[in-house]
Protein backbone atom coordinates (compact mmCIF):
# COMPACT_ATOMS: atom_id res chain seq x y z
CA MET A 1 0.00 0.00 0.00
CA TYR A 2 2.87 2.36 0.79
CA GLU A 3 4.40 2.00 -2.69
CA TYR A 4 1.05 2.66 -4.32
CA GLU A 5 0.59 5.92 -2.41
CA LEU A 6 4.18 6.94 -3.20
CA GLN A 7 3.55 6.29 -6.89
CA GLN A 8 0.35 8.33 -6.74
CA LEU A 9 2.26 11.25 -5.18
CA ARG A 10 4.98 11.05 -7.84
CA SER A 11 2.42 10.92 -10.61
CA ALA A 12 0.53 13.91 -9.22
CA ASP A 13 3.81 15.84 -8.89
CA LEU A 14 4.77 15.09 -12.52
CA ILE A 15 1.33 16.19 -13.73
CA ARG A 16 1.57 19.39 -11.66
CA ARG A 17 5.04 20.17 -13.06
CA ALA A 18 3.86 19.53 -16.62
CA ASP A 19 0.93 21.90 -16.10
CA GLN A 20 3.22 24.61 -14.73
CA GLU A 21 5.60 24.25 -17.68
CA ARG A 22 2.69 24.39 -20.14
CA ILE A 23 1.38 27.57 -18.51
CA ALA A 24 4.86 29.12 -18.63
CA ARG A 25 5.21 28.25 -22.34
CA GLN A 26 1.82 29.76 -23.08
CA ALA A 27 2.73 32.95 -21.23
CA ALA A 28 6.02 33.24 -23.12
CA ARG A 29 4.22 32.59 -26.41
CA GLY A 30 1.69 35.30 -25.57
CA THR A 31 4.36 37.88 -24.78
CA ARG A 32 6.22 37.08 -28.01
CA ALA A 33 3.00 37.42 -29.99
CA ALA A 34 2.23 40.74 -28.32
CA ARG A 35 5.74 41.99 -29.08
CA ARG A 36 5.42 40.97 -32.73
CA GLU A 37 2.02 42.66 -32.98
CA ALA A 38 3.36 45.86 -31.43
CA ALA A 39 6.29 45.83 -33.86
CA ARG A 40 3.90 45.26 -36.76
CA ARG A 41 1.75 48.23 -35.69
CA THR A 42 4.75 50.54 -35.56
CA VAL A 43 4.79 52.17 -38.97
CA GLY A 44 8.12 52.24 -40.76
CA ALA A 45 10.12 50.82 -37.89
CA ASP A 46 12.46 47.99 -38.70
CA PRO A 47 12.88 45.53 -35.82
CA HIS A 48 16.58 45.21 -36.69
CA THR A 49 19.33 47.71 -37.26
CA ASP A 50 19.91 49.64 -40.48
CA ARG A 51 22.79 47.33 -41.27
CA PRO A 52 22.59 45.55 -44.65
CA ARG A 53 21.70 41.89 -44.50
CA ARG A 54 24.65 40.74 -46.60
CA HIS A 55 28.29 41.66 -46.68
CA ARG A 56 29.31 44.24 -49.24
CA PHE A 57 32.03 42.05 -50.66
CA ALA A 58 32.18 38.31 -51.11
CA ARG A 59 34.42 36.55 -48.67
CA THR A 60 37.58 35.02 -50.04
CA ALA A 61 38.13 31.31 -49.67
């Protein structure tokens, strides 16, 4: 009986941890989505620097 109760406690703890991690992932996903939406609403603002995406000259081998 003792092992059964111990297993039940472990299982409940794993389920609780999984729920907490899921809630944390959802919160992080929500903040990222809000940040992207705010950046999208900003007219003419580039989320990165004014630096060109590629190098001016090809790199030598």
